[in-house]
C-alpha atoms as a PDB file:
ATOM      1  CA  MET A   1      -0.002   0.000   0.002  1.00  0.00           C
ATOM      2  CA  SER A   2       1.234   3.455  -0.814  1.00  0.00           C
ATOM      3  CA  PRO A   3       1.685   6.095   1.886  1.00  0.00           C
ATOM      4  CA  LYS A   4      -1.237   8.046   0.446  1.00  0.00           C
ATOM      5  CA  GLU A   5      -3.528   4.999   0.651  1.00  0.00           C
ATOM      6  CA  LEU A   6      -2.496   4.483   4.271  1.00  0.00           C
ATOM      7  CA  LEU A   7      -3.388   8.110   5.002  1.00  0.00           C
ATOM      8  CA  TYR A   8      -6.848   7.561   3.490  1.00  0.00           C
ATOM      9  CA  ILE A   9      -7.356   4.506   5.680  1.00  0.00           C
ATOM     10  CA  GLU A  10      -6.132   6.370   8.752  1.00  0.00           C
ATOM     11  CA  ASP A  11      -8.579   9.169   7.994  1.00  0.00           C
ATOM     12  CA  ALA A  12     -11.439   6.706   7.513  1.00  0.00           C
ATOM     13  CA  LEU A  13     -10.551   5.016  10.816  1.00  0.00           C
ATOM     14  CA  GLY A  14     -10.702   8.350  12.597  1.00  0.00           C
ATOM     15  CA  HIS A  15     -14.067   9.214  11.111  1.00  0.00           C
ATOM     16  CA  ALA A  16     -15.572   5.807  11.903  1.00  0.00           C
ATOM     17  CA  GLN A  17     -14.269   5.989  15.481  1.00  0.00           C
ATOM     18  CA  TYR A  18     -15.649   9.512  15.922  1.00  0.00           C
ATOM     19  CA  LEU A  19     -19.066   8.535  14.585  1.00  0.00           C
ATOM     20  CA  THR A  20     -19.166   5.444  16.801  1.00  0.00           C
ATOM     21  CA  THR A  21     -18.440   7.554  19.871  1.00  0.00           C
ATOM     22  CA  GLN A  22     -21.006  10.179  18.920  1.00  0.00           C
ATOM     23  CA  CYS A  23     -23.717   7.575  18.346  1.00  0.00           C
ATOM     24  CA  GLN A  24     -22.914   5.837  21.649  1.00  0.00           C
ATOM     25  CA  THR A  25     -23.104   9.150  23.474  1.00  0.00           C
ATOM     26  CA  ALA A  26     -26.414   9.985  21.822  1.00  0.00           C
ATOM     27  CA  ALA A  27     -27.834   6.538  22.634  1.00  0.00           C
ATOM     28  CA  SER A  28     -26.909   6.924  26.289  1.00  0.00           C
ATOM     29  CA  GLN A  29     -28.738  10.255  26.472  1.00  0.00           C
ATOM     30  CA  LEU A  30     -31.876   9.395  24.512  1.00  0.00           C
ATOM     31  CA  ARG A  31     -35.011   8.473  26.426  1.00  0.00           C
ATOM     32  CA  ASP A  32     -37.117   7.343  23.458  1.00  0.00           C
ATOM     33  CA  PRO A  33     -36.515   3.586  23.011  1.00  0.00           C
ATOM     34  CA  ALA A  34     -36.891   3.727  19.223  1.00  0.00           C
ATOM     35  CA  LEU A  35     -34.390   6.566  18.857  1.00  0.00           C
ATOM     36  CA  ARG A  36     -32.000   4.927  21.336  1.00  0.00           C
ATOM     37  CA  SER A  37     -32.179   1.705  19.348  1.00  0.00           C
ATOM     38  CA  GLN A  38     -31.469   3.560  16.117  1.00  0.00           C
ATOM     39  CA  ALA A  39     -28.454   5.323  17.642  1.00  0.00           C
ATOM     40  CA  GLU A  40     -27.145   1.999  18.989  1.00  0.00           C
ATOM     41  CA  GLN A  41     -27.530   0.415  15.542  1.00  0.00           C
ATOM     42  CA  LEU A  42     -25.631   3.300  13.980  1.00  0.00           C
ATOM     43  CA  ALA A  43     -22.880   2.937  16.581  1.00  0.00           C
ATOM     44  CA  SER A  44     -22.646  -0.774  15.841  1.00  0.00           C
ATOM     45  CA  SER A  45     -22.565  -0.155  12.108  1.00  0.00           C
ATOM     46  CA  ASN A  46     -19.778   2.406  12.462  1.00  0.00           C
ATOM     47  CA  GLN A  47     -17.836   0.070  14.743  1.00  0.00           C
ATOM     48  CA  SER A  48     -18.142  -2.656  12.110  1.00  0.00           C
ATOM     49  CA  LEU A  49     -16.899  -0.231   9.465  1.00  0.00           C
ATOM     50  CA  PHE A  50     -13.963   0.715  11.711  1.00  0.00           C
ATOM     51  CA  ASN A  51     -13.079  -2.976  12.122  1.00  0.00           C
ATOM     52  CA  ARG A  52     -13.150  -3.562   8.352  1.00  0.00           C
ATOM     53  CA  PHE A  53     -10.875  -0.589   7.688  1.00  0.00           C
ATOM     54  CA  TYR A  54      -8.568  -1.658  10.530  1.00  0.00           C
ATOM     55  CA  HIS A  55      -8.128  -5.118   9.022  1.00  0.00           C
ATOM     56  CA  LEU A  56      -6.971  -3.559   5.750  1.00  0.00           C
ATOM     57  CA  VAL A  57      -3.737  -2.514   7.387  1.00  0.00           C
END
């Protein structure tokens, strides 16, 4: 992998990690069960995306 490709992956990892954290924070603060569930699903999806990017390296 070229250095530029590694930078793209590093950037994607950072974004996926940030979104996971934001969704987890939102889920912990939401009182509506449907919205909380949606935020938890988004957090899980972003964590899965992070894991896929991480395994590229």
